[in-house]
Amino acid sequence: MLPFLLNFTLAQATPAPTPQVEIVQLQEIRPLPGQLDNVPVFNSNSPELVQTEGILLSTFPPSDKGNPGAHLNFPFQGRFDIFAHHVAKAPTLEDLRTLYLGIILYNPGKEPVTVDIIEAASYLSQPDAPFIELPSQLDNSSGRVYAGPGSRVMSDILRGGRQDGFPAQLVIQAQQSRMLLNLPIPVRTLTPPINGRSTL
């Protein structure tokens, strides 16, 4: 009797396959309101993860550069935006150096130029704006609700803010450079040693 019960139990442990069913629901697809504008954006986000120093994005002309293909040769004129988001990760637990996110502006012309910094903000993911889950809807009248550094930066920008440390204007003499930003992305005190910075 025991072999029969054992065979019967094994036979019952393998259920019959369930047929797959495809369900199609038709729905209307509508475009979002609004449109793109003509403001060019310097968007530095690739590679997002950085472990060594180097040029991440350049709009400079390629002539006389060590790696000409890395330069876009796109001079900005008039209104433009700058966005950068990069994550510094220590390559080893012994190499906990701090990387800096820098933005250099260069005036290739023969006359001085004035750059107006209308709004500006930059935050680290740790400790300024850790990535957290939020409910699907919250009142953010005070601007104190954010789910990461990009979220906090955008909240400041939408409110027309210019964070301390950013000048209202930069005057750049002919064929000279000025630093707009030079901020750290520290990892030394963090476990794991990884941190990000978003800037707009």
N, C-alpha and C. Protein backbone atom coordinates (compact mmCIF):
# COMPACT_ATOMS: atom_id res chain seq x y z
N MET A 1 0.82 -1.19 0.00
CA MET A 1 0.00 0.00 0.00
C MET A 1 0.87 1.25 0.00
N LEU A 2 2.00 1.25 0.68
CA LEU A 2 2.84 2.43 0.75
C LEU A 2 3.33 2.89 -0.61
N PRO A 3 3.82 2.02 -1.52
CA PRO A 3 4.23 2.51 -2.83
C PRO A 3 3.11 3.19 -3.58
N PHE A 4 1.87 2.71 -3.43
CA PHE A 4 0.74 3.33 -4.11
C PHE A 4 0.50 4.74 -3.59
N LEU A 5 0.55 4.94 -2.29
CA LEU A 5 0.34 6.27 -1.71
C LEU A 5 1.45 7.23 -2.13
N LEU A 6 2.68 6.76 -2.16
CA LEU A 6 3.80 7.59 -2.59
C LEU A 6 3.65 8.02 -4.03
N ASN A 7 3.30 7.12 -4.91
CA ASN A 7 3.09 7.48 -6.31
C ASN A 7 1.92 8.44 -6.46
N PHE A 8 0.88 8.21 -5.71
CA PHE A 8 -0.29 9.08 -5.77
C PHE A 8 0.07 10.50 -5.31
N THR A 9 0.87 10.65 -4.26
CA THR A 9 1.27 11.97 -3.75
C THR A 9 2.12 12.70 -4.78
N LEU A 10 3.02 12.03 -5.41
CA LEU A 10 3.86 12.67 -6.41
C LEU A 10 3.03 13.10 -7.62
N ALA A 11 2.08 12.32 -7.98
CA ALA A 11 1.24 12.68 -9.12
C ALA A 11 0.44 13.94 -8.81
N GLN A 12 0.00 14.10 -7.59
CA GLN A 12 -0.77 15.26 -7.21
C GLN A 12 0.11 16.52 -7.04
N ALA A 13 1.42 16.39 -6.84
CA ALA A 13 2.31 17.53 -6.62
C ALA A 13 2.64 18.27 -7.91
N THR A 14 2.33 17.75 -9.05
CA THR A 14 2.62 18.40 -10.32
C THR A 14 1.31 18.90 -10.93
N PRO A 15 0.99 20.20 -10.75
CA PRO A 15 -0.29 20.69 -11.28
C PRO A 15 -0.22 20.82 -12.80
N ALA A 16 -1.37 20.77 -13.39
CA ALA A 16 -1.46 20.94 -14.83
C ALA A 16 -1.11 22.38 -15.19
N PRO A 17 -0.44 22.62 -16.32
CA PRO A 17 -0.08 23.99 -16.69
C PRO A 17 -1.32 24.84 -16.93
N THR A 18 -1.26 26.09 -16.48
CA THR A 18 -2.36 27.03 -16.66
C THR A 18 -2.17 27.75 -17.99
N PRO A 19 -3.17 27.75 -18.84
CA PRO A 19 -3.00 28.45 -20.12
C PRO A 19 -2.88 29.96 -19.90
N GLN A 20 -2.01 30.60 -20.66
CA GLN A 20 -1.83 32.05 -20.56
C GLN A 20 -2.89 32.75 -21.39
N VAL A 21 -3.39 33.85 -20.83
CA VAL A 21 -4.44 34.61 -21.49
C VAL A 21 -3.95 36.04 -21.68
N GLU A 22 -4.07 36.56 -22.88
CA GLU A 22 -3.70 37.95 -23.15
C GLU A 22 -4.95 38.81 -23.07
N ILE A 23 -4.87 39.87 -22.27
CA ILE A 23 -6.00 40.79 -22.09
C ILE A 23 -5.61 42.13 -22.71
N VAL A 24 -6.40 42.62 -23.63
CA VAL A 24 -6.14 43.89 -24.30
C VAL A 24 -7.26 44.86 -23.94
N GLN A 25 -6.86 46.03 -23.43
CA GLN A 25 -7.84 47.07 -23.13
C GLN A 25 -7.50 48.30 -23.96
N LEU A 26 -8.40 48.71 -24.81
CA LEU A 26 -8.16 49.88 -25.64
C LEU A 26 -8.34 51.14 -24.80
N GLN A 27 -7.49 52.12 -25.05
CA GLN A 27 -7.60 53.39 -24.34
C GLN A 27 -7.08 54.51 -25.22
N GLU A 28 -7.54 55.70 -24.92
CA GLU A 28 -7.14 56.88 -25.68
C GLU A 28 -5.76 57.33 -25.21
N ILE A 29 -4.90 57.70 -26.17
CA ILE A 29 -3.58 58.25 -25.84
C ILE A 29 -3.60 59.72 -26.21
N ARG A 30 -3.33 60.57 -25.21
CA ARG A 30 -3.36 62.01 -25.44
C ARG A 30 -2.01 62.61 -25.10
N PRO A 31 -1.57 63.64 -25.83
CA PRO A 31 -0.29 64.29 -25.51
C PRO A 31 -0.40 65.10 -24.23
N LEU A 32 0.72 65.23 -23.53
CA LEU A 32 0.75 66.10 -22.36
C LEU A 32 0.67 67.55 -22.81
N PRO A 33 0.09 68.42 -21.98
CA PRO A 33 0.06 69.83 -22.37
C PRO A 33 1.46 70.43 -22.31
N GLY A 34 1.66 71.52 -23.01
CA GLY A 34 2.96 72.19 -23.00
C GLY A 34 3.82 71.73 -24.16
N GLN A 35 5.04 72.24 -24.17
CA GLN A 35 5.96 71.90 -25.25
C GLN A 35 7.37 72.22 -24.80
N LEU A 36 8.34 71.73 -25.55
CA LEU A 36 9.73 72.06 -25.27
C LEU A 36 10.00 73.49 -25.71
N ASP A 37 10.93 74.14 -25.03
CA ASP A 37 11.33 75.48 -25.46
C ASP A 37 12.65 75.38 -26.22
N ASN A 38 13.21 76.52 -26.58
CA ASN A 38 14.44 76.55 -27.36
C ASN A 38 15.67 76.83 -26.52
N VAL A 39 15.56 76.69 -25.19
CA VAL A 39 16.69 76.96 -24.31
C VAL A 39 17.62 75.74 -24.31
N PRO A 40 18.87 75.91 -24.77
CA PRO A 40 19.80 74.78 -24.74
C PRO A 40 20.20 74.45 -23.30
N VAL A 41 20.42 73.16 -23.05
CA VAL A 41 20.78 72.69 -21.71
C VAL A 41 22.10 71.93 -21.77
N PHE A 42 23.04 72.36 -20.96
CA PHE A 42 24.28 71.62 -20.74
C PHE A 42 23.93 70.54 -19.73
N ASN A 43 23.84 69.28 -20.17
CA ASN A 43 23.35 68.20 -19.33
C ASN A 43 24.46 67.20 -19.08
N SER A 44 25.08 67.27 -17.91
CA SER A 44 26.19 66.40 -17.57
C SER A 44 25.70 65.32 -16.61
N ASN A 45 25.50 64.11 -17.16
CA ASN A 45 25.00 63.01 -16.34
C ASN A 45 25.55 61.66 -16.80
N SER A 46 26.40 61.67 -17.79
CA SER A 46 26.92 60.41 -18.30
C SER A 46 28.43 60.52 -18.47
N PRO A 47 29.21 59.74 -17.76
CA PRO A 47 28.73 58.69 -16.87
C PRO A 47 28.20 59.28 -15.56
N GLU A 48 27.18 58.63 -15.05
CA GLU A 48 26.63 59.09 -13.76
C GLU A 48 27.60 58.75 -12.64
N LEU A 49 28.15 57.55 -12.66
CA LEU A 49 29.07 57.09 -11.63
C LEU A 49 30.49 57.45 -12.03
N VAL A 50 31.18 58.20 -11.17
CA VAL A 50 32.57 58.59 -11.43
C VAL A 50 33.45 58.10 -10.28
N GLN A 51 34.66 57.69 -10.63
CA GLN A 51 35.59 57.20 -9.62
C GLN A 51 36.96 57.87 -9.72
N THR A 52 37.18 58.64 -10.79
CA THR A 52 38.45 59.33 -10.96
C THR A 52 38.19 60.72 -11.52
N GLU A 53 39.21 61.56 -11.47
CA GLU A 53 39.08 62.91 -12.00
C GLU A 53 39.10 62.88 -13.52
N GLY A 54 38.55 63.93 -14.13
CA GLY A 54 38.56 64.04 -15.57
C GLY A 54 37.45 64.96 -16.05
N ILE A 55 37.44 65.26 -17.34
CA ILE A 55 36.41 66.10 -17.93
C ILE A 55 35.22 65.22 -18.28
N LEU A 56 34.06 65.57 -17.76
CA LEU A 56 32.86 64.78 -18.00
C LEU A 56 32.11 65.24 -19.25
N LEU A 57 32.08 66.56 -19.49
CA LEU A 57 31.39 67.11 -20.65
C LEU A 57 32.02 68.45 -20.97
N SER A 58 32.22 68.71 -22.26
CA SER A 58 32.83 69.96 -22.67
C SER A 58 32.16 70.49 -23.93
N THR A 59 31.83 71.78 -23.92
CA THR A 59 31.33 72.43 -25.14
C THR A 59 32.44 73.26 -25.80
N PHE A 60 33.67 73.14 -25.30
CA PHE A 60 34.80 73.88 -25.86
C PHE A 60 35.08 73.40 -27.28
N PRO A 61 35.80 74.22 -28.07
CA PRO A 61 36.22 73.76 -29.40
C PRO A 61 37.27 72.65 -29.28
N PRO A 62 37.32 71.72 -30.24
CA PRO A 62 38.23 70.58 -30.13
C PRO A 62 39.69 70.89 -30.47
N SER A 63 39.95 72.04 -31.08
CA SER A 63 41.33 72.33 -31.51
C SER A 63 42.27 72.40 -30.32
N ASP A 64 43.46 71.84 -30.51
CA ASP A 64 44.53 71.84 -29.51
C ASP A 64 44.16 71.09 -28.23
N LYS A 65 43.23 70.15 -28.31
CA LYS A 65 42.85 69.36 -27.14
C LYS A 65 43.45 67.97 -27.27
N GLY A 66 43.80 67.36 -26.14
CA GLY A 66 44.37 66.02 -26.14
C GLY A 66 43.42 64.97 -26.70
N ASN A 67 42.11 65.16 -26.49
CA ASN A 67 41.10 64.25 -27.02
C ASN A 67 40.03 65.09 -27.71
N PRO A 68 40.26 65.49 -28.96
CA PRO A 68 39.34 66.41 -29.65
C PRO A 68 37.90 65.93 -29.71
N GLY A 69 37.69 64.61 -29.81
CA GLY A 69 36.34 64.08 -29.91
C GLY A 69 35.50 64.27 -28.66
N ALA A 70 36.13 64.63 -27.54
CA ALA A 70 35.41 64.80 -26.28
C ALA A 70 34.81 66.20 -26.13
N HIS A 71 35.05 67.08 -27.10
CA HIS A 71 34.58 68.47 -27.00
C HIS A 71 33.53 68.73 -28.07
N LEU A 72 32.40 69.29 -27.65
CA LEU A 72 31.24 69.44 -28.53
C LEU A 72 31.28 70.65 -29.45
N ASN A 73 32.16 71.61 -29.16
CA ASN A 73 32.26 72.83 -29.97
C ASN A 73 30.89 73.51 -30.12
N PHE A 74 30.26 73.79 -28.98
CA PHE A 74 28.94 74.41 -28.97
C PHE A 74 28.97 75.64 -28.06
N PRO A 75 29.29 76.81 -28.61
CA PRO A 75 29.31 78.01 -27.75
C PRO A 75 27.89 78.44 -27.39
N PHE A 76 27.66 78.66 -26.11
CA PHE A 76 26.35 79.14 -25.66
C PHE A 76 26.26 80.64 -25.87
N GLN A 77 25.11 81.09 -26.33
CA GLN A 77 24.83 82.52 -26.46
C GLN A 77 23.41 82.74 -25.97
N GLY A 78 23.19 83.81 -25.24
CA GLY A 78 21.86 84.08 -24.72
C GLY A 78 21.55 83.16 -23.56
N ARG A 79 20.28 82.86 -23.38
CA ARG A 79 19.83 82.04 -22.25
C ARG A 79 20.23 80.58 -22.45
N PHE A 80 20.75 79.95 -21.39
CA PHE A 80 21.02 78.51 -21.40
C PHE A 80 20.94 78.01 -19.97
N ASP A 81 20.74 76.72 -19.82
CA ASP A 81 20.68 76.08 -18.50
C ASP A 81 21.82 75.10 -18.36
N ILE A 82 22.18 74.82 -17.10
CA ILE A 82 23.21 73.83 -16.79
C ILE A 82 22.62 72.85 -15.78
N PHE A 83 22.70 71.56 -16.10
CA PHE A 83 22.30 70.52 -15.15
C PHE A 83 23.43 69.52 -15.04
N ALA A 84 23.73 69.11 -13.83
CA ALA A 84 24.74 68.07 -13.61
C ALA A 84 24.29 67.18 -12.47
N HIS A 85 24.41 65.89 -12.68
CA HIS A 85 24.18 64.93 -11.60
C HIS A 85 25.20 63.83 -11.74
N HIS A 86 26.06 63.69 -10.73
CA HIS A 86 27.08 62.65 -10.76
C HIS A 86 27.20 62.02 -9.38
N VAL A 87 27.58 60.76 -9.38
CA VAL A 87 27.73 59.97 -8.15
C VAL A 87 29.19 59.57 -8.03
N ALA A 88 29.81 59.90 -6.89
CA ALA A 88 31.19 59.49 -6.62
C ALA A 88 31.14 58.23 -5.76
N LYS A 89 31.90 57.24 -6.19
CA LYS A 89 31.99 55.98 -5.45
C LYS A 89 33.45 55.64 -5.28
N ALA A 90 33.84 55.38 -4.04
CA ALA A 90 35.24 55.02 -3.78
C ALA A 90 35.57 53.73 -4.52
N PRO A 91 36.66 53.72 -5.31
CA PRO A 91 37.02 52.50 -6.03
C PRO A 91 37.44 51.36 -5.09
N THR A 92 38.03 51.71 -3.94
CA THR A 92 38.38 50.73 -2.90
C THR A 92 38.14 51.38 -1.55
N LEU A 93 38.11 50.58 -0.50
CA LEU A 93 37.92 51.13 0.86
C LEU A 93 39.14 51.91 1.33
N GLU A 94 40.26 51.76 0.64
CA GLU A 94 41.47 52.51 0.99
C GLU A 94 41.52 53.85 0.25
N ASP A 95 40.80 53.99 -0.84
CA ASP A 95 40.82 55.20 -1.67
C ASP A 95 39.53 55.98 -1.43
N LEU A 96 39.52 56.77 -0.37
CA LEU A 96 38.33 57.52 0.04
C LEU A 96 38.47 59.01 -0.25
N ARG A 97 39.21 59.33 -1.30
CA ARG A 97 39.42 60.75 -1.64
C ARG A 97 38.10 61.41 -2.05
N THR A 98 38.07 62.70 -1.89
CA THR A 98 36.89 63.49 -2.26
C THR A 98 37.04 64.00 -3.68
N LEU A 99 36.06 63.70 -4.53
CA LEU A 99 36.02 64.27 -5.87
C LEU A 99 35.22 65.56 -5.82
N TYR A 100 35.53 66.47 -6.74
CA TYR A 100 34.84 67.77 -6.80
C TYR A 100 34.14 67.91 -8.14
N LEU A 101 32.93 68.44 -8.10
CA LEU A 101 32.21 68.77 -9.32
C LEU A 101 32.51 70.22 -9.64
N GLY A 102 33.15 70.45 -10.78
CA GLY A 102 33.51 71.81 -11.18
C GLY A 102 32.85 72.19 -12.49
N ILE A 103 32.46 73.44 -12.59
CA ILE A 103 31.93 73.98 -13.85
C ILE A 103 32.75 75.22 -14.19
N ILE A 104 33.42 75.17 -15.34
CA ILE A 104 34.27 76.27 -15.80
C ILE A 104 33.61 76.93 -17.00
N LEU A 105 33.54 78.26 -16.97
CA LEU A 105 33.02 79.03 -18.10
C LEU A 105 34.20 79.72 -18.78
N TYR A 106 34.21 79.70 -20.10
CA TYR A 106 35.30 80.32 -20.87
C TYR A 106 34.71 81.29 -21.88
N ASN A 107 35.30 82.45 -21.99
CA ASN A 107 34.89 83.46 -22.96
C ASN A 107 35.88 83.46 -24.12
N PRO A 108 35.51 82.89 -25.28
CA PRO A 108 36.44 82.84 -26.41
C PRO A 108 36.48 84.15 -27.20
N GLY A 109 35.60 85.10 -26.86
CA GLY A 109 35.49 86.33 -27.65
C GLY A 109 36.56 87.36 -27.34
N LYS A 110 36.39 88.54 -27.95
CA LYS A 110 37.36 89.63 -27.79
C LYS A 110 36.86 90.71 -26.85
N GLU A 111 35.65 90.54 -26.31
CA GLU A 111 35.07 91.49 -25.37
C GLU A 111 34.64 90.75 -24.10
N PRO A 112 34.58 91.45 -22.96
CA PRO A 112 34.07 90.79 -21.75
C PRO A 112 32.61 90.37 -21.93
N VAL A 113 32.21 89.31 -21.26
CA VAL A 113 30.81 88.89 -21.24
C VAL A 113 30.34 88.82 -19.79
N THR A 114 29.06 89.08 -19.60
CA THR A 114 28.44 88.98 -18.28
C THR A 114 27.48 87.81 -18.28
N VAL A 115 27.65 86.92 -17.32
CA VAL A 115 26.76 85.78 -17.16
C VAL A 115 25.90 86.04 -15.94
N ASP A 116 24.58 86.10 -16.14
CA ASP A 116 23.63 86.26 -15.03
C ASP A 116 23.21 84.89 -14.54
N ILE A 117 23.36 84.65 -13.26
CA ILE A 117 22.91 83.39 -12.66
C ILE A 117 21.55 83.67 -12.04
N ILE A 118 20.50 83.28 -12.76
CA ILE A 118 19.14 83.64 -12.37
C ILE A 118 18.70 82.82 -11.16
N GLU A 119 18.78 81.51 -11.27
CA GLU A 119 18.51 80.60 -10.16
C GLU A 119 19.64 79.58 -10.12
N ALA A 120 19.90 79.03 -8.95
CA ALA A 120 20.95 78.02 -8.84
C ALA A 120 20.82 77.27 -7.52
N ALA A 121 21.07 75.97 -7.58
CA ALA A 121 21.09 75.16 -6.36
C ALA A 121 21.92 73.91 -6.62
N SER A 122 22.52 73.40 -5.56
CA SER A 122 23.32 72.18 -5.63
C SER A 122 23.24 71.47 -4.29
N TYR A 123 22.91 70.18 -4.31
CA TYR A 123 22.79 69.41 -3.08
C TYR A 123 23.43 68.04 -3.23
N LEU A 124 23.96 67.55 -2.12
CA LEU A 124 24.47 66.18 -2.02
C LEU A 124 23.32 65.25 -1.66
N SER A 125 23.45 63.98 -2.05
CA SER A 125 22.44 63.02 -1.58
C SER A 125 22.62 62.75 -0.09
N GLN A 126 23.86 62.80 0.41
CA GLN A 126 24.11 62.64 1.83
C GLN A 126 25.03 63.75 2.31
N PRO A 127 24.65 64.60 3.21
CA PRO A 127 23.49 64.55 4.09
C PRO A 127 22.32 65.43 3.63
N ASP A 128 22.49 66.19 2.54
CA ASP A 128 21.51 67.24 2.19
C ASP A 128 20.13 66.72 1.81
N ALA A 129 20.10 65.66 1.02
CA ALA A 129 18.82 65.21 0.46
C ALA A 129 18.87 63.72 0.17
N PRO A 130 18.77 62.88 1.20
CA PRO A 130 18.83 61.44 0.96
C PRO A 130 17.67 60.95 0.10
N PHE A 131 17.92 59.89 -0.64
CA PHE A 131 16.87 59.28 -1.44
C PHE A 131 15.91 58.55 -0.49
N ILE A 132 14.65 58.97 -0.49
CA ILE A 132 13.64 58.34 0.36
C ILE A 132 12.37 58.16 -0.44
N GLU A 133 11.54 57.22 0.01
CA GLU A 133 10.23 57.04 -0.60
C GLU A 133 9.26 58.01 0.05
N LEU A 134 8.41 58.61 -0.78
CA LEU A 134 7.40 59.53 -0.29
C LEU A 134 6.03 59.04 -0.72
N PRO A 135 4.99 59.46 -0.01
CA PRO A 135 3.64 59.15 -0.48
C PRO A 135 3.42 59.75 -1.87
N SER A 136 2.41 59.28 -2.58
CA SER A 136 2.18 59.74 -3.95
C SER A 136 1.81 61.21 -4.02
N GLN A 137 1.31 61.79 -2.94
CA GLN A 137 0.97 63.21 -2.95
C GLN A 137 1.20 63.81 -1.57
N LEU A 138 1.90 64.95 -1.53
CA LEU A 138 2.17 65.67 -0.29
C LEU A 138 2.10 67.16 -0.56
N ASP A 139 1.71 67.93 0.44
CA ASP A 139 1.74 69.38 0.34
C ASP A 139 3.20 69.82 0.52
N ASN A 140 3.71 70.59 -0.44
CA ASN A 140 5.09 71.06 -0.36
C ASN A 140 5.13 72.59 -0.43
N SER A 141 4.20 73.22 0.23
CA SER A 141 4.14 74.69 0.23
C SER A 141 5.42 75.31 0.78
N SER A 142 6.04 74.63 1.72
CA SER A 142 7.24 75.18 2.35
C SER A 142 8.53 74.84 1.60
N GLY A 143 8.47 73.91 0.64
CA GLY A 143 9.68 73.51 -0.08
C GLY A 143 10.57 72.60 0.73
N ARG A 144 10.05 71.96 1.74
CA ARG A 144 10.86 71.08 2.60
C ARG A 144 10.60 69.60 2.35
N VAL A 145 9.88 69.29 1.29
CA VAL A 145 9.61 67.90 0.94
C VAL A 145 10.40 67.56 -0.32
N TYR A 146 11.26 66.54 -0.24
CA TYR A 146 12.04 66.13 -1.40
C TYR A 146 12.47 64.68 -1.19
N ALA A 147 12.76 64.01 -2.29
CA ALA A 147 13.09 62.59 -2.24
C ALA A 147 14.47 62.32 -2.81
N GLY A 148 15.36 63.26 -2.74
CA GLY A 148 16.72 63.11 -3.25
C GLY A 148 17.26 64.46 -3.66
N PRO A 149 18.55 64.53 -4.06
CA PRO A 149 19.15 65.83 -4.37
C PRO A 149 18.54 66.51 -5.59
N GLY A 150 18.17 65.74 -6.61
CA GLY A 150 17.55 66.34 -7.79
C GLY A 150 16.20 66.95 -7.46
N SER A 151 15.44 66.26 -6.63
CA SER A 151 14.13 66.75 -6.19
C SER A 151 14.28 68.04 -5.40
N ARG A 152 15.27 68.09 -4.51
CA ARG A 152 15.48 69.30 -3.70
C ARG A 152 15.96 70.47 -4.55
N VAL A 153 16.86 70.19 -5.49
CA VAL A 153 17.35 71.23 -6.40
C VAL A 153 16.18 71.83 -7.19
N MET A 154 15.36 70.96 -7.77
CA MET A 154 14.25 71.44 -8.59
C MET A 154 13.24 72.24 -7.76
N SER A 155 13.00 71.82 -6.52
CA SER A 155 12.10 72.57 -5.65
C SER A 155 12.61 74.00 -5.44
N ASP A 156 13.91 74.15 -5.21
CA ASP A 156 14.51 75.48 -5.05
C ASP A 156 14.38 76.30 -6.34
N ILE A 157 14.68 75.68 -7.48
CA ILE A 157 14.65 76.38 -8.76
C ILE A 157 13.24 76.85 -9.09
N LEU A 158 12.25 75.99 -8.88
CA LEU A 158 10.86 76.37 -9.16
C LEU A 158 10.39 77.53 -8.30
N ARG A 159 11.03 77.71 -7.16
CA ARG A 159 10.70 78.83 -6.28
C ARG A 159 11.56 80.07 -6.57
N GLY A 160 12.38 80.00 -7.63
CA GLY A 160 13.18 81.15 -8.03
C GLY A 160 14.37 81.43 -7.13
N GLY A 161 14.87 80.40 -6.46
CA GLY A 161 15.95 80.60 -5.49
C GLY A 161 17.34 80.53 -6.10
N ARG A 162 18.27 81.23 -5.48
CA ARG A 162 19.69 81.12 -5.82
C ARG A 162 20.40 80.84 -4.50
N GLN A 163 20.89 79.64 -4.37
CA GLN A 163 21.53 79.18 -3.15
C GLN A 163 22.76 80.02 -2.82
N ASP A 164 23.02 80.19 -1.52
CA ASP A 164 24.24 80.88 -1.09
C ASP A 164 25.45 80.21 -1.72
N GLY A 165 26.41 81.00 -2.13
CA GLY A 165 27.61 80.49 -2.78
C GLY A 165 27.61 80.70 -4.28
N PHE A 166 26.42 80.91 -4.85
CA PHE A 166 26.33 81.21 -6.27
C PHE A 166 26.22 82.73 -6.43
N PRO A 167 27.09 83.34 -7.23
CA PRO A 167 26.99 84.79 -7.44
C PRO A 167 25.79 85.13 -8.32
N ALA A 168 25.33 86.35 -8.24
CA ALA A 168 24.26 86.81 -9.13
C ALA A 168 24.79 86.99 -10.55
N GLN A 169 26.07 87.36 -10.66
CA GLN A 169 26.68 87.60 -11.98
C GLN A 169 28.15 87.18 -11.96
N LEU A 170 28.62 86.80 -13.14
CA LEU A 170 30.04 86.58 -13.36
C LEU A 170 30.44 87.40 -14.58
N VAL A 171 31.47 88.21 -14.46
CA VAL A 171 32.02 88.91 -15.63
C VAL A 171 33.28 88.14 -16.03
N ILE A 172 33.30 87.72 -17.29
CA ILE A 172 34.43 86.94 -17.79
C ILE A 172 35.13 87.76 -18.87
N GLN A 173 36.37 88.10 -18.61
CA GLN A 173 37.13 88.89 -19.56
C GLN A 173 37.41 88.10 -20.83
N ALA A 174 37.76 88.79 -21.90
CA ALA A 174 38.03 88.16 -23.19
C ALA A 174 39.09 87.07 -23.05
N GLN A 175 38.80 85.90 -23.59
CA GLN A 175 39.70 84.76 -23.62
C GLN A 175 40.20 84.37 -22.22
N GLN A 176 39.31 84.50 -21.25
CA GLN A 176 39.60 84.11 -19.87
C GLN A 176 38.55 83.10 -19.39
N SER A 177 38.85 82.42 -18.29
CA SER A 177 37.95 81.43 -17.69
C SER A 177 37.58 81.87 -16.28
N ARG A 178 36.42 81.42 -15.83
CA ARG A 178 35.98 81.62 -14.45
C ARG A 178 35.31 80.35 -13.96
N MET A 179 35.51 80.02 -12.70
CA MET A 179 34.82 78.88 -12.10
C MET A 179 33.43 79.33 -11.66
N LEU A 180 32.42 78.64 -12.12
CA LEU A 180 31.07 78.89 -11.65
C LEU A 180 30.78 78.03 -10.42
N LEU A 181 31.37 76.84 -10.39
CA LEU A 181 31.07 75.88 -9.33
C LEU A 181 32.29 75.02 -9.07
N ASN A 182 32.57 74.75 -7.81
CA ASN A 182 33.63 73.82 -7.42
C ASN A 182 33.24 73.25 -6.06
N LEU A 183 32.42 72.18 -6.07
CA LEU A 183 31.86 71.65 -4.83
C LEU A 183 32.21 70.18 -4.64
N PRO A 184 32.44 69.77 -3.39
CA PRO A 184 32.87 68.39 -3.12
C PRO A 184 31.73 67.38 -3.19
N ILE A 185 32.13 66.13 -3.46
CA ILE A 185 31.25 64.98 -3.33
C ILE A 185 31.98 64.01 -2.38
N PRO A 186 31.88 64.25 -1.06
CA PRO A 186 32.65 63.45 -0.10
C PRO A 186 32.05 62.06 0.11
N VAL A 187 32.95 61.08 0.35
CA VAL A 187 32.51 59.71 0.62
C VAL A 187 33.15 59.13 1.88
N ARG A 188 34.15 59.79 2.42
CA ARG A 188 34.98 59.22 3.49
C ARG A 188 34.18 58.72 4.69
N THR A 189 33.17 59.43 5.13
CA THR A 189 32.45 59.07 6.35
C THR A 189 31.21 58.20 6.08
N LEU A 190 31.01 57.79 4.84
CA LEU A 190 29.78 57.10 4.49
C LEU A 190 29.98 55.59 4.35
N THR A 191 28.96 54.83 4.70
CA THR A 191 28.96 53.39 4.53
C THR A 191 27.70 52.99 3.79
N PRO A 192 27.81 52.50 2.57
CA PRO A 192 29.02 52.36 1.75
C PRO A 192 29.53 53.73 1.29
N PRO A 193 30.79 53.81 0.87
CA PRO A 193 31.39 55.09 0.48
C PRO A 193 30.93 55.54 -0.91
N ILE A 194 29.70 56.06 -0.97
CA ILE A 194 29.12 56.52 -2.22
C ILE A 194 28.25 57.72 -1.92
N ASN A 195 28.30 58.74 -2.80
CA ASN A 195 27.53 59.96 -2.58
C ASN A 195 27.29 60.59 -3.95
N GLY A 196 26.24 61.37 -4.05
CA GLY A 196 25.92 62.03 -5.31
C GLY A 196 25.67 63.51 -5.12
N ARG A 197 25.79 64.25 -6.21
CA ARG A 197 25.51 65.69 -6.18
C ARG A 197 24.70 66.04 -7.42
N SER A 198 23.61 66.78 -7.19
CA SER A 198 22.79 67.33 -8.28
C SER A 198 22.92 68.83 -8.26
N THR A 199 23.03 69.43 -9.45
CA THR A 199 23.20 70.88 -9.59
C THR A 199 22.37 71.36 -10.76
N LEU A 200 21.69 72.48 -10.58
CA LEU A 200 20.95 73.10 -11.69
C LEU A 200 21.12 74.59 -11.56
